[in-house]
Protein backbone atom coordinates (compact mmCIF):
# COMPACT_ATOMS: atom_id res chain seq x y z
CA MET A 1 132.61 -58.19 -7.40
CA ILE A 2 130.71 -54.97 -6.77
CA ASP A 3 127.72 -54.28 -9.00
CA ALA A 4 126.91 -50.59 -9.24
CA LYS A 5 125.66 -50.50 -12.82
CA TYR A 6 122.69 -48.28 -12.04
CA GLY A 7 123.31 -45.13 -10.06
CA ARG A 8 120.51 -43.16 -8.46
CA ARG A 9 119.92 -40.90 -11.46
CA LEU A 10 120.04 -43.71 -14.00
CA GLU A 11 117.69 -45.79 -11.85
CA ALA A 12 115.29 -42.83 -11.78
CA ALA A 13 115.53 -42.51 -15.57
CA CYS A 14 114.58 -46.17 -15.89
CA GLN A 15 111.42 -45.43 -13.86
CA ARG A 16 110.21 -42.77 -16.32
CA PRO A 17 107.69 -43.69 -19.02
CA SER A 18 109.43 -46.03 -21.51
CA GLY A 19 112.37 -46.30 -19.12
CA GLU A 20 112.29 -50.07 -19.50
CA LEU A 21 113.70 -49.53 -23.00
CA LEU A 22 116.73 -47.83 -21.46
CA ARG A 23 117.19 -50.59 -18.87
CA ARG A 24 116.95 -53.32 -21.51
CA ARG A 25 119.44 -51.53 -23.78
CA ILE A 26 121.93 -51.10 -20.95
CA ASP A 27 121.49 -54.69 -19.76
CA ASP A 28 122.04 -55.98 -23.30
CA LEU A 29 125.20 -53.94 -23.91
CA PRO A 30 128.52 -55.77 -23.95
CA ASN A 31 130.77 -54.37 -21.21
CA ASP A 32 133.19 -52.71 -23.63
CA GLU A 33 130.36 -50.81 -25.33
CA TYR A 34 128.90 -49.82 -21.95
CA GLN A 35 132.31 -48.47 -20.91
CA ARG A 36 132.53 -46.44 -24.14
CA LEU A 37 129.08 -44.96 -23.47
CA LEU A 38 130.19 -43.87 -20.00
CA ARG A 39 132.90 -41.83 -21.70
CA ALA A 40 130.87 -40.61 -24.67
CA PRO A 41 130.62 -36.86 -25.21
CA GLU A 42 127.34 -35.36 -24.08
CA HIS A 43 126.26 -34.45 -27.62
CA GLU A 44 126.70 -38.08 -28.82
CA LEU A 45 125.27 -40.04 -25.90
CA ALA A 46 121.57 -40.18 -26.89
CA GLN A 47 122.38 -41.15 -30.48
CA ARG A 48 124.89 -43.83 -29.48
CA LEU A 49 122.64 -45.19 -26.76
CA ALA A 50 119.65 -45.44 -29.10
CA ALA A 51 121.65 -47.11 -31.89
CA SER A 52 118.92 -48.00 -34.39
CA ASP A 53 116.01 -48.24 -31.92
CA GLU A 54 113.64 -45.38 -32.74
CA ALA A 55 111.59 -45.80 -29.55
CA LEU A 56 114.73 -45.59 -27.44
CA GLY A 57 115.88 -42.63 -29.51
CA LYS A 58 112.62 -40.85 -28.68
CA PHE A 59 113.14 -41.66 -24.99
CA GLY A 60 116.68 -40.28 -25.15
CA ARG A 61 115.43 -37.08 -26.76
CA SER A 62 112.62 -36.63 -24.20
CA GLY A 63 114.92 -34.51 -22.05
CA THR A 64 117.99 -32.46 -22.75
CA SER A 65 121.31 -34.04 -23.66
CA ALA A 66 122.70 -32.57 -20.42
CA GLU A 67 120.03 -34.40 -18.37
CA LEU A 68 120.74 -37.71 -20.08
CA TYR A 69 124.47 -37.16 -19.62
CA ARG A 70 123.99 -36.55 -15.86
CA GLU A 71 121.75 -39.61 -15.55
CA PHE A 72 124.31 -41.79 -17.28
CA ALA A 73 127.30 -40.45 -15.34
CA ILE A 74 129.14 -42.70 -12.92
CA ASP A 75 127.53 -42.46 -9.48
CA ALA A 76 130.45 -42.50 -7.06
CA GLU A 77 128.11 -42.60 -4.05
CA ALA A 78 126.46 -45.79 -5.38
CA ILE A 79 129.90 -47.38 -5.79
CA VAL A 80 130.94 -46.43 -2.25
CA THR A 81 127.65 -47.74 -0.84
CA ALA A 82 128.03 -51.04 -2.73
CA ALA A 83 131.63 -51.39 -1.55
CA ALA A 84 130.67 -50.66 2.06
CA SER A 85 127.93 -53.30 1.99
CA LEU A 86 130.41 -55.79 0.59
CA LEU A 87 132.85 -55.04 3.41
CA GLU A 88 130.09 -55.45 5.99
CA SER A 89 129.15 -58.92 4.79
């Protein structure tokens, strides 16, 4: 199995102040909910990601919805890199 859960932008978002809240939320998500978030419209992503966690909601609102949407987008390069390392092993 290839694990490419965190792309470069999402990893960078997790390094921002309070980014550990984002990482914990993503790590705790069931796969089906995570998949729905990947396909969520830009204007809904921060709200759906925060659920009822006010601190995470504040983190999600710390940038623009477009920035959060880009950070959360599938990182094709990370997937290709993970697949290549799997093939090399």
